[in-house]
Full PDB file with SEQRES, HELIX, SHEET, SSBOND, CRYST1, ORIGX, SCALE, CONECT and MASTER records, all heavy atoms in Angstrom:
SEQRES   1 A   36  VAL GLN TRP ARG LEU SER PRO HIS ALA VAL LEU ARG LEU          
SEQRES   2 A   36  ASN ASN GLY TRP GLY LEU THR PRO HIS GLY PRO GLU TRP          
SEQRES   3 A   36  ALA PRO GLU VAL GLY VAL LEU PHE SER PHE                      
SHEET    1 AA1 3 GLN A   2  SER A   6  0                                        
SHEET    2 AA1 3 ALA A   9  TRP A  17 -1                                        
SHEET    3 AA1 3 TRP A  26  PHE A  34 -1                                        
CRYST1    1.000    1.000    1.000  90.00  90.00  90.00 P 1           1          
ORIGX1      1.000000  0.000000  0.000000        0.00000                         
ORIGX2      0.000000  1.000000  0.000000        0.00000                         
ORIGX3      0.000000  0.000000  1.000000        0.00000                         
SCALE1      1.000000  0.000000  0.000000        0.00000                         
SCALE2      0.000000  1.000000  0.000000        0.00000                         
SCALE3      0.000000  0.000000  1.000000        0.00000                         
ATOM      1  N   VAL A   1     -10.086 -31.068 -17.684  1.00  0.00           N  
ATOM      2  CA  VAL A   1      -8.722 -31.533 -17.467  1.00  0.00           C  
ATOM      3  C   VAL A   1      -7.951 -30.390 -16.815  1.00  0.00           C  
ATOM      4  O   VAL A   1      -7.981 -29.254 -17.299  1.00  0.00           O  
ATOM      5  CB  VAL A   1      -8.040 -31.945 -18.786  1.00  0.00           C  
ATOM      6  CG1 VAL A   1      -6.563 -32.285 -18.542  1.00  0.00           C  
ATOM      7  CG2 VAL A   1      -8.760 -33.125 -19.410  1.00  0.00           C  
ATOM      8  N   GLN A   2      -7.273 -30.683 -15.712  1.00  0.00           N  
ATOM      9  CA  GLN A   2      -6.443 -29.697 -15.025  1.00  0.00           C  
ATOM     10  C   GLN A   2      -4.992 -30.156 -15.095  1.00  0.00           C  
ATOM     11  O   GLN A   2      -4.675 -31.262 -14.648  1.00  0.00           O  
ATOM     12  CB  GLN A   2      -6.889 -29.544 -13.567  1.00  0.00           C  
ATOM     13  CG  GLN A   2      -8.338 -29.102 -13.402  1.00  0.00           C  
ATOM     14  CD  GLN A   2      -8.756 -28.984 -11.954  1.00  0.00           C  
ATOM     15  OE1 GLN A   2      -7.971 -29.194 -11.035  1.00  0.00           O  
ATOM     16  NE2 GLN A   2     -10.022 -28.640 -11.733  1.00  0.00           N  
ATOM     17  N   TRP A   3      -4.136 -29.303 -15.669  1.00  0.00           N  
ATOM     18  CA  TRP A   3      -2.722 -29.650 -15.837  1.00  0.00           C  
ATOM     19  C   TRP A   3      -1.879 -28.634 -15.076  1.00  0.00           C  
ATOM     20  O   TRP A   3      -1.924 -27.436 -15.358  1.00  0.00           O  
ATOM     21  CB  TRP A   3      -2.343 -29.656 -17.308  1.00  0.00           C  
ATOM     22  CG  TRP A   3      -0.907 -30.038 -17.546  1.00  0.00           C  
ATOM     23  CD1 TRP A   3       0.140 -29.193 -17.807  1.00  0.00           C  
ATOM     24  CD2 TRP A   3      -0.353 -31.351 -17.531  1.00  0.00           C  
ATOM     25  NE1 TRP A   3       1.302 -29.897 -17.959  1.00  0.00           N  
ATOM     26  CE2 TRP A   3       1.041 -31.232 -17.793  1.00  0.00           C  
ATOM     27  CE3 TRP A   3      -0.888 -32.626 -17.324  1.00  0.00           C  
ATOM     28  CZ2 TRP A   3       1.886 -32.333 -17.852  1.00  0.00           C  
ATOM     29  CZ3 TRP A   3      -0.045 -33.724 -17.384  1.00  0.00           C  
ATOM     30  CH2 TRP A   3       1.327 -33.573 -17.645  1.00  0.00           C  
ATOM     31  N   ARG A   4      -1.131 -29.110 -14.088  1.00  0.00           N  
ATOM     32  CA  ARG A   4      -0.320 -28.218 -13.257  1.00  0.00           C  
ATOM     33  C   ARG A   4       0.925 -27.796 -14.014  1.00  0.00           C  
ATOM     34  O   ARG A   4       1.806 -28.612 -14.293  1.00  0.00           O  
ATOM     35  CB  ARG A   4       0.040 -28.896 -11.938  1.00  0.00           C  
ATOM     36  CG  ARG A   4       0.779 -27.985 -10.971  1.00  0.00           C  
ATOM     37  CD  ARG A   4       0.762 -28.544  -9.574  1.00  0.00           C  
ATOM     38  NE  ARG A   4      -0.577 -28.575  -9.007  1.00  0.00           N  
ATOM     39  CZ  ARG A   4      -1.184 -27.521  -8.457  1.00  0.00           C  
ATOM     40  NH1 ARG A   4      -0.569 -26.328  -8.420  1.00  0.00           N  
ATOM     41  NH2 ARG A   4      -2.395 -27.644  -7.962  1.00  0.00           N  
ATOM     42  N   LEU A   5       1.013 -26.507 -14.339  1.00  0.00           N  
ATOM     43  CA  LEU A   5       2.151 -25.963 -15.068  1.00  0.00           C  
ATOM     44  C   LEU A   5       3.333 -25.678 -14.141  1.00  0.00           C  
ATOM     45  O   LEU A   5       4.490 -25.760 -14.561  1.00  0.00           O  
ATOM     46  CB  LEU A   5       1.741 -24.676 -15.779  1.00  0.00           C  
ATOM     47  CG  LEU A   5       0.552 -24.789 -16.748  1.00  0.00           C  
ATOM     48  CD1 LEU A   5       0.163 -23.405 -17.243  1.00  0.00           C  
ATOM     49  CD2 LEU A   5       0.873 -25.704 -17.911  1.00  0.00           C  
ATOM     50  N   SER A   6       3.026 -25.318 -12.895  1.00  0.00           N  
ATOM     51  CA  SER A   6       4.040 -25.002 -11.889  1.00  0.00           C  
ATOM     52  C   SER A   6       3.373 -25.157 -10.531  1.00  0.00           C  
ATOM     53  O   SER A   6       2.159 -25.386 -10.453  1.00  0.00           O  
ATOM     54  CB  SER A   6       4.567 -23.575 -12.082  1.00  0.00           C  
ATOM     55  OG  SER A   6       3.610 -22.632 -11.638  1.00  0.00           O  
ATOM     56  N   PRO A   7       4.126 -25.019  -9.429  1.00  0.00           N  
ATOM     57  CA  PRO A   7       3.474 -25.130  -8.112  1.00  0.00           C  
ATOM     58  C   PRO A   7       2.346 -24.137  -7.896  1.00  0.00           C  
ATOM     59  O   PRO A   7       1.478 -24.370  -7.048  1.00  0.00           O  
ATOM     60  CB  PRO A   7       4.634 -24.882  -7.137  1.00  0.00           C  
ATOM     61  CG  PRO A   7       5.850 -25.314  -7.880  1.00  0.00           C  
ATOM     62  CD  PRO A   7       5.589 -24.929  -9.313  1.00  0.00           C  
ATOM     63  N   HIS A   8       2.316 -23.038  -8.669  1.00  0.00           N  
ATOM     64  CA  HIS A   8       1.318 -22.002  -8.433  1.00  0.00           C  
ATOM     65  C   HIS A   8       0.512 -21.641  -9.683  1.00  0.00           C  
ATOM     66  O   HIS A   8      -0.096 -20.573  -9.736  1.00  0.00           O  
ATOM     67  CB  HIS A   8       1.990 -20.744  -7.885  1.00  0.00           C  
ATOM     68  CG  HIS A   8       2.784 -20.980  -6.645  1.00  0.00           C  
ATOM     69  ND1 HIS A   8       2.227 -21.436  -5.472  1.00  0.00           N  
ATOM     70  CD2 HIS A   8       4.122 -20.850  -6.404  1.00  0.00           C  
ATOM     71  CE1 HIS A   8       3.171 -21.568  -4.553  1.00  0.00           C  
ATOM     72  NE2 HIS A   8       4.323 -21.225  -5.097  1.00  0.00           N  
ATOM     73  N   ALA A   9       0.456 -22.526 -10.683  1.00  0.00           N  
ATOM     74  CA  ALA A   9      -0.310 -22.255 -11.899  1.00  0.00           C  
ATOM     75  C   ALA A   9      -0.866 -23.562 -12.451  1.00  0.00           C  
ATOM     76  O   ALA A   9      -0.143 -24.547 -12.591  1.00  0.00           O  
ATOM     77  CB  ALA A   9       0.551 -21.564 -12.957  1.00  0.00           C  
ATOM     78  N   VAL A  10      -2.177 -23.558 -12.782  1.00  0.00           N  
ATOM     79  CA  VAL A  10      -2.854 -24.741 -13.301  1.00  0.00           C  
ATOM     80  C   VAL A  10      -3.630 -24.352 -14.559  1.00  0.00           C  
ATOM     81  O   VAL A  10      -4.447 -23.414 -14.538  1.00  0.00           O  
ATOM     82  CB  VAL A  10      -3.824 -25.336 -12.266  1.00  0.00           C  
ATOM     83  CG1 VAL A  10      -4.587 -26.522 -12.861  1.00  0.00           C  
ATOM     84  CG2 VAL A  10      -3.079 -25.763 -11.013  1.00  0.00           C  
ATOM     85  N   LEU A  11      -3.376 -25.061 -15.650  1.00  0.00           N  
ATOM     86  CA  LEU A  11      -4.149 -24.887 -16.880  1.00  0.00           C  
ATOM     87  C   LEU A  11      -5.432 -25.689 -16.761  1.00  0.00           C  
ATOM     88  O   LEU A  11      -5.405 -26.880 -16.441  1.00  0.00           O  
ATOM     89  CB  LEU A  11      -3.338 -25.361 -18.081  1.00  0.00           C  
ATOM     90  CG  LEU A  11      -4.077 -25.387 -19.434  1.00  0.00           C  
ATOM     91  CD1 LEU A  11      -4.433 -23.972 -19.876  1.00  0.00           C  
ATOM     92  CD2 LEU A  11      -3.237 -26.097 -20.481  1.00  0.00           C  
ATOM     93  N   ARG A  12      -6.570 -25.038 -17.030  1.00  0.00           N  
ATOM     94  CA  ARG A  12      -7.867 -25.713 -16.934  1.00  0.00           C  
ATOM     95  C   ARG A  12      -8.536 -25.695 -18.311  1.00  0.00           C  
ATOM     96  O   ARG A  12      -8.731 -24.635 -18.906  1.00  0.00           O  
ATOM     97  CB  ARG A  12      -8.763 -25.031 -15.901  1.00  0.00           C  
ATOM     98  CG  ARG A  12      -8.147 -24.977 -14.519  1.00  0.00           C  
ATOM     99  CD  ARG A  12      -9.018 -24.216 -13.542  1.00  0.00           C  
ATOM    100  NE  ARG A  12     -10.220 -24.965 -13.213  1.00  0.00           N  
ATOM    101  CZ  ARG A  12     -11.441 -24.425 -13.084  1.00  0.00           C  
ATOM    102  NH1 ARG A  12     -11.606 -23.134 -13.311  1.00  0.00           N  
ATOM    103  NH2 ARG A  12     -12.462 -25.154 -12.748  1.00  0.00           N  
ATOM    104  N   LEU A  13      -8.893 -26.883 -18.823  1.00  0.00           N  
ATOM    105  CA  LEU A  13      -9.592 -27.055 -20.086  1.00  0.00           C  
ATOM    106  C   LEU A  13     -10.935 -27.699 -19.782  1.00  0.00           C  
ATOM    107  O   LEU A  13     -10.996 -28.856 -19.350  1.00  0.00           O  
ATOM    108  CB  LEU A  13      -8.779 -27.918 -21.051  1.00  0.00           C  
ATOM    109  CG  LEU A  13      -7.369 -27.419 -21.371  1.00  0.00           C  
ATOM    110  CD1 LEU A  13      -6.627 -28.458 -22.201  1.00  0.00           C  
ATOM    111  CD2 LEU A  13      -7.431 -26.083 -22.097  1.00  0.00           C  
ATOM    112  N   ASN A  14     -12.005 -26.956 -20.025  1.00  0.00           N  
ATOM    113  CA  ASN A  14     -13.337 -27.354 -19.568  1.00  0.00           C  
ATOM    114  C   ASN A  14     -14.306 -27.399 -20.748  1.00  0.00           C  
ATOM    115  O   ASN A  14     -14.232 -26.570 -21.654  1.00  0.00           O  
ATOM    116  CB  ASN A  14     -13.808 -26.359 -18.501  1.00  0.00           C  
ATOM    117  CG  ASN A  14     -15.167 -26.668 -17.939  1.00  0.00           C  
ATOM    118  OD1 ASN A  14     -16.169 -26.658 -18.632  1.00  0.00           O  
ATOM    119  ND2 ASN A  14     -15.196 -26.915 -16.641  1.00  0.00           N  
ATOM    120  N   ASN A  15     -15.233 -28.362 -20.720  1.00  0.00           N  
ATOM    121  CA  ASN A  15     -16.300 -28.433 -21.713  1.00  0.00           C  
ATOM    122  C   ASN A  15     -17.623 -28.717 -21.022  1.00  0.00           C  
ATOM    123  O   ASN A  15     -17.692 -29.596 -20.145  1.00  0.00           O  
ATOM    124  CB  ASN A  15     -16.033 -29.536 -22.737  1.00  0.00           C  
ATOM    125  CG  ASN A  15     -15.407 -28.997 -24.006  1.00  0.00           C  
ATOM    126  OD1 ASN A  15     -15.978 -28.115 -24.651  1.00  0.00           O  
ATOM    127  ND2 ASN A  15     -14.239 -29.497 -24.357  1.00  0.00           N  
ATOM    128  N   GLY A  16     -18.667 -27.994 -21.408  1.00  0.00           N  
ATOM    129  CA  GLY A  16     -20.024 -28.271 -20.953  1.00  0.00           C  
ATOM    130  C   GLY A  16     -20.858 -28.728 -22.121  1.00  0.00           C  
ATOM    131  O   GLY A  16     -20.888 -28.076 -23.175  1.00  0.00           O  
ATOM    132  N   TRP A  17     -21.538 -29.866 -21.965  1.00  0.00           N  
ATOM    133  CA  TRP A  17     -22.345 -30.453 -23.036  1.00  0.00           C  
ATOM    134  C   TRP A  17     -23.800 -30.499 -22.581  1.00  0.00           C  
ATOM    135  O   TRP A  17     -24.115 -31.104 -21.553  1.00  0.00           O  
ATOM    136  CB  TRP A  17     -21.867 -31.860 -23.376  1.00  0.00           C  
ATOM    137  CG  TRP A  17     -20.391 -31.958 -23.597  1.00  0.00           C  
ATOM    138  CD1 TRP A  17     -19.433 -32.275 -22.679  1.00  0.00           C  
ATOM    139  CD2 TRP A  17     -19.691 -31.717 -24.819  1.00  0.00           C  
ATOM    140  NE1 TRP A  17     -18.185 -32.249 -23.235  1.00  0.00           N  
ATOM    141  CE2 TRP A  17     -18.306 -31.908 -24.560  1.00  0.00           C  
ATOM    142  CE3 TRP A  17     -20.089 -31.364 -26.115  1.00  0.00           C  
ATOM    143  CZ2 TRP A  17     -17.335 -31.761 -25.538  1.00  0.00           C  
ATOM    144  CZ3 TRP A  17     -19.121 -31.215 -27.080  1.00  0.00           C  
ATOM    145  CH2 TRP A  17     -17.771 -31.406 -26.803  1.00  0.00           C  
ATOM    146  N   GLY A  18     -24.703 -29.884 -23.339  1.00  0.00           N  
ATOM    147  CA  GLY A  18     -26.119 -29.878 -22.988  1.00  0.00           C  
ATOM    148  C   GLY A  18     -26.743 -31.251 -23.121  1.00  0.00           C  
ATOM    149  O   GLY A  18     -26.582 -31.919 -24.148  1.00  0.00           O  
ATOM    150  N   LEU A  19     -27.490 -31.671 -22.104  1.00  0.00           N  
ATOM    151  CA  LEU A  19     -28.165 -32.966 -22.110  1.00  0.00           C  
ATOM    152  C   LEU A  19     -29.667 -32.835 -22.268  1.00  0.00           C  
ATOM    153  O   LEU A  19     -30.364 -33.839 -22.423  1.00  0.00           O  
ATOM    154  CB  LEU A  19     -27.860 -33.720 -20.805  1.00  0.00           C  
ATOM    155  CG  LEU A  19     -26.390 -34.004 -20.513  1.00  0.00           C  
ATOM    156  CD1 LEU A  19     -26.256 -34.705 -19.165  1.00  0.00           C  
ATOM    157  CD2 LEU A  19     -25.770 -34.856 -21.618  1.00  0.00           C  
ATOM    158  N   THR A  20     -30.178 -31.622 -22.212  1.00  0.00           N  
ATOM    159  CA  THR A  20     -31.611 -31.369 -22.354  1.00  0.00           C  
ATOM    160  C   THR A  20     -31.814 -30.257 -23.384  1.00  0.00           C  
ATOM    161  O   THR A  20     -30.880 -29.540 -23.735  1.00  0.00           O  
ATOM    162  CB  THR A  20     -32.221 -30.932 -21.004  1.00  0.00           C  
ATOM    163  OG1 THR A  20     -31.599 -29.708 -20.581  1.00  0.00           O  
ATOM    164  CG2 THR A  20     -32.015 -32.000 -19.947  1.00  0.00           C  
ATOM    165  N   PRO A  21     -33.061 -30.096 -23.898  1.00  0.00           N  
ATOM    166  CA  PRO A  21     -33.306 -29.032 -24.892  1.00  0.00           C  
ATOM    167  C   PRO A  21     -33.062 -27.631 -24.349  1.00  0.00           C  
ATOM    168  O   PRO A  21     -32.799 -26.703 -25.113  1.00  0.00           O  
ATOM    169  CB  PRO A  21     -34.784 -29.231 -25.261  1.00  0.00           C  
ATOM    170  CG  PRO A  21     -35.085 -30.646 -24.915  1.00  0.00           C  
ATOM    171  CD  PRO A  21     -34.252 -30.952 -23.711  1.00  0.00           C  
ATOM    172  N   HIS A  22     -33.166 -27.459 -23.043  1.00  0.00           N  
ATOM    173  CA  HIS A  22     -32.967 -26.138 -22.455  1.00  0.00           C  
ATOM    174  C   HIS A  22     -31.510 -25.957 -22.050  1.00  0.00           C  
ATOM    175  O   HIS A  22     -30.853 -26.885 -21.590  1.00  0.00           O  
ATOM    176  CB  HIS A  22     -33.873 -25.963 -21.231  1.00  0.00           C  
ATOM    177  CG  HIS A  22     -35.320 -26.099 -21.531  1.00  0.00           C  
ATOM    178  ND1 HIS A  22     -36.080 -25.076 -22.061  1.00  0.00           N  
ATOM    179  CD2 HIS A  22     -36.170 -27.147 -21.401  1.00  0.00           C  
ATOM    180  CE1 HIS A  22     -37.315 -25.478 -22.236  1.00  0.00           C  
ATOM    181  NE2 HIS A  22     -37.399 -26.741 -21.834  1.00  0.00           N  
ATOM    182  N   GLY A  23     -31.014 -24.725 -22.206  1.00  0.00           N  
ATOM    183  CA  GLY A  23     -29.645 -24.422 -21.826  1.00  0.00           C  
ATOM    184  C   GLY A  23     -28.688 -24.563 -22.986  1.00  0.00           C  
ATOM    185  O   GLY A  23     -29.018 -25.110 -24.045  1.00  0.00           O  
ATOM    186  N   PRO A  24     -27.455 -24.059 -22.830  1.00  0.00           N  
ATOM    187  CA  PRO A  24     -26.452 -24.132 -23.906  1.00  0.00           C  
ATOM    188  C   PRO A  24     -26.156 -25.570 -24.303  1.00  0.00           C  
ATOM    189  O   PRO A  24     -26.059 -26.454 -23.459  1.00  0.00           O  
ATOM    190  CB  PRO A  24     -25.215 -23.464 -23.276  1.00  0.00           C  
ATOM    191  CG  PRO A  24     -25.750 -22.619 -22.178  1.00  0.00           C  
ATOM    192  CD  PRO A  24     -26.946 -23.334 -21.647  1.00  0.00           C  
ATOM    193  N   GLU A  25     -26.016 -25.805 -25.620  1.00  0.00           N  
ATOM    194  CA  GLU A  25     -25.683 -27.143 -26.104  1.00  0.00           C  
ATOM    195  C   GLU A  25     -24.193 -27.410 -26.032  1.00  0.00           C  
ATOM    196  O   GLU A  25     -23.757 -28.565 -25.975  1.00  0.00           O  
ATOM    197  CB  GLU A  25     -26.170 -27.321 -27.538  1.00  0.00           C  
ATOM    198  CG  GLU A  25     -25.523 -26.344 -28.506  1.00  0.00           C  
ATOM    199  CD  GLU A  25     -26.183 -26.369 -29.867  1.00  0.00           C  
ATOM    200  OE1 GLU A  25     -27.377 -26.039 -29.952  1.00  0.00           O  
ATOM    201  OE2 GLU A  25     -25.486 -26.741 -30.832  1.00  0.00           O  
ATOM    202  N   TRP A  26     -23.372 -26.333 -26.028  1.00  0.00           N  
ATOM    203  CA  TRP A  26     -21.924 -26.489 -25.947  1.00  0.00           C  
ATOM    204  C   TRP A  26     -21.342 -25.259 -25.289  1.00  0.00           C  
ATOM    205  O   TRP A  26     -21.687 -24.125 -25.637  1.00  0.00           O  
ATOM    206  CB  TRP A  26     -21.324 -26.682 -27.347  1.00  0.00           C  
ATOM    207  CG  TRP A  26     -19.859 -26.985 -27.334  1.00  0.00           C  
ATOM    208  CD1 TRP A  26     -19.196 -27.851 -26.496  1.00  0.00           C  
ATOM    209  CD2 TRP A  26     -18.861 -26.416 -28.188  1.00  0.00           C  
ATOM    210  NE1 TRP A  26     -17.846 -27.867 -26.793  1.00  0.00           N  
ATOM    211  CE2 TRP A  26     -17.611 -27.003 -27.830  1.00  0.00           C  
ATOM    212  CE3 TRP A  26     -18.899 -25.502 -29.231  1.00  0.00           C  
ATOM    213  CZ2 TRP A  26     -16.420 -26.673 -28.457  1.00  0.00           C  
ATOM    214  CZ3 TRP A  26     -17.710 -25.169 -29.872  1.00  0.00           C  
ATOM    215  CH2 TRP A  26     -16.490 -25.759 -29.487  1.00  0.00           C  
ATOM    216  N   ALA A  27     -20.458 -25.465 -24.297  1.00  0.00           N  
ATOM    217  CA  ALA A  27     -19.874 -24.340 -23.560  1.00  0.00           C  
ATOM    218  C   ALA A  27     -18.443 -24.679 -23.160  1.00  0.00           C  
ATOM    219  O   ALA A  27     -18.191 -25.138 -22.040  1.00  0.00           O  
ATOM    220  CB  ALA A  27     -20.713 -24.014 -22.333  1.00  0.00           C  
ATOM    221  N   PRO A  28     -17.467 -24.466 -24.063  1.00  0.00           N  
ATOM    222  CA  PRO A  28     -16.064 -24.705 -23.710  1.00  0.00           C  
ATOM    223  C   PRO A  28     -15.473 -23.536 -22.924  1.00  0.00           C  
ATOM    224  O   PRO A  28     -15.934 -22.392 -23.019  1.00  0.00           O  
ATOM    225  CB  PRO A  28     -15.384 -24.851 -25.065  1.00  0.00           C  
ATOM    226  CG  PRO A  28     -16.217 -24.000 -25.977  1.00  0.00           C  
ATOM    227  CD  PRO A  28     -17.626 -24.099 -25.468  1.00  0.00           C  
ATOM    228  N   GLU A  29     -14.419 -23.834 -22.162  1.00  0.00           N  
ATOM    229  CA  GLU A  29     -13.751 -22.822 -21.340  1.00  0.00           C  
ATOM    230  C   GLU A  29     -12.271 -23.156 -21.241  1.00  0.00           C  
ATOM    231  O   GLU A  29     -11.889 -24.330 -21.146  1.00  0.00           O  
ATOM    232  CB  GLU A  29     -14.364 -22.798 -19.940  1.00  0.00           C  
ATOM    233  CG  GLU A  29     -13.651 -21.908 -18.934  1.00  0.00           C  
ATOM    234  CD  GLU A  29     -14.203 -22.075 -17.532  1.00  0.00           C  
ATOM    235  OE1 GLU A  29     -15.392 -22.422 -17.392  1.00  0.00           O  
ATOM    236  OE2 GLU A  29     -13.431 -21.884 -16.564  1.00  0.00           O  
ATOM    237  N   VAL A  30     -11.430 -22.139 -21.262  1.00  0.00           N  
ATOM    238  CA  VAL A  30      -9.995 -22.336 -21.065  1.00  0.00           C  
ATOM    239  C   VAL A  30      -9.477 -21.197 -20.186  1.00  0.00           C  
ATOM    240  O   VAL A  30      -9.909 -20.043 -20.321  1.00  0.00           O  
ATOM    241  CB  VAL A  30      -9.242 -22.379 -22.418  1.00  0.00           C  
ATOM    242  CG1 VAL A  30      -9.444 -21.092 -23.207  1.00  0.00           C  
ATOM    243  CG2 VAL A  30      -7.762 -22.650 -22.198  1.00  0.00           C  
ATOM    244  N   GLY A  31      -8.577 -21.526 -19.280  1.00  0.00           N  
ATOM    245  CA  GLY A  31      -8.018 -20.502 -18.411  1.00  0.00           C  
ATOM    246  C   GLY A  31      -6.854 -21.053 -17.606  1.00  0.00           C  
ATOM    247  O   GLY A  31      -6.586 -22.256 -17.606  1.00  0.00           O  
ATOM    248  N   VAL A  32      -6.164 -20.160 -16.934  1.00  0.00           N  
ATOM    249  CA  VAL A  32      -5.041 -20.541 -16.074  1.00  0.00           C  
ATOM    250  C   VAL A  32      -5.337 -20.026 -14.668  1.00  0.00           C  
ATOM    251  O   VAL A  32      -5.572 -18.830 -14.475  1.00  0.00           O  
ATOM    252  CB  VAL A  32      -3.707 -19.983 -16.585  1.00  0.00           C  
ATOM    253  CG1 VAL A  32      -2.582 -20.348 -15.617  1.00  0.00           C  
ATOM    254  CG2 VAL A  32      -3.398 -20.506 -17.978  1.00  0.00           C  
ATOM    255  N   LEU A  33      -5.323 -20.952 -13.711  1.00  0.00           N  
ATOM    256  CA  LEU A  33      -5.572 -20.616 -12.313  1.00  0.00           C  
ATOM    257  C   LEU A  33      -4.239 -20.374 -11.600  1.00  0.00           C  
ATOM    258  O   LEU A  33      -3.370 -21.241 -11.586  1.00  0.00           O  
ATOM    259  CB  LEU A  33      -6.328 -21.759 -11.637  1.00  0.00           C  
ATOM    260  CG  LEU A  33      -6.604 -21.616 -10.149  1.00  0.00           C  
ATOM    261  CD1 LEU A  33      -7.679 -20.559  -9.908  1.00  0.00           C  
ATOM    262  CD2 LEU A  33      -7.025 -22.948  -9.547  1.00  0.00           C  
ATOM    263  N   PHE A  34      -4.116 -19.182 -11.013  1.00  0.00           N  
ATOM    264  CA  PHE A  34      -2.903 -18.829 -10.281  1.00  0.00           C  
ATOM    265  C   PHE A  34      -3.210 -18.827  -8.784  1.00  0.00           C  
ATOM    266  O   PHE A  34      -4.259 -18.324  -8.353  1.00  0.00           O  
ATOM    267  CB  PHE A  34      -2.401 -17.446 -10.685  1.00  0.00           C  
ATOM    268  CG  PHE A  34      -2.037 -17.334 -12.138  1.00  0.00           C  
ATOM    269  CD1 PHE A  34      -2.940 -16.863 -13.074  1.00  0.00           C  
ATOM    270  CD2 PHE A  34      -0.764 -17.717 -12.579  1.00  0.00           C  
ATOM    271  CE1 PHE A  34      -2.613 -16.749 -14.414  1.00  0.00           C  
ATOM    272  CE2 PHE A  34      -0.431 -17.615 -13.911  1.00  0.00           C  
ATOM    273  CZ  PHE A  34      -1.351 -17.135 -14.833  1.00  0.00           C  
ATOM    274  N   SER A  35      -2.321 -19.397  -7.990  1.00  0.00           N  
ATOM    275  CA  SER A  35      -2.490 -19.408  -6.536  1.00  0.00           C  
ATOM    276  C   SER A  35      -1.326 -18.664  -5.875  1.00  0.00           C  
ATOM    277  O   SER A  35      -0.175 -18.810  -6.274  1.00  0.00           O  
ATOM    278  CB  SER A  35      -2.566 -20.830  -6.015  1.00  0.00           C  
ATOM    279  OG  SER A  35      -1.357 -21.533  -6.229  1.00  0.00           O  
ATOM    280  N   PHE A  36      -1.670 -17.865  -4.865  1.00  0.00           N  
ATOM    281  CA  PHE A  36      -0.683 -17.110  -4.115  1.00  0.00           C  
ATOM    282  C   PHE A  36      -0.862 -17.472  -2.650  1.00  0.00           C  
ATOM    283  O   PHE A  36      -1.667 -16.857  -1.934  1.00  0.00           O  
ATOM    284  CB  PHE A  36      -0.867 -15.612  -4.335  1.00  0.00           C  
ATOM    285  CG  PHE A  36      -0.764 -15.197  -5.776  1.00  0.00           C  
ATOM    286  CD1 PHE A  36      -1.893 -15.153  -6.590  1.00  0.00           C  
ATOM    287  CD2 PHE A  36       0.475 -14.873  -6.329  1.00  0.00           C  
ATOM    288  CE1 PHE A  36      -1.796 -14.781  -7.926  1.00  0.00           C  
ATOM    289  CE2 PHE A  36       0.582 -14.501  -7.662  1.00  0.00           C  
ATOM    290  CZ  PHE A  36      -0.557 -14.453  -8.463  1.00  0.00           C  
TER     291      PHE A  36                                                      
MASTER        0    0    0    0    3    0    0    6  290    1    0    3          
END                                                                             
């Protein structure tokens, strides 16, 4: 989910869910993207 906080800032809420036995089973991420 990407939520625009301002014209130059976006909050990003990310989740990765493993679908196979190999690789991470859960990988959440949160951050704010700034554009100049």
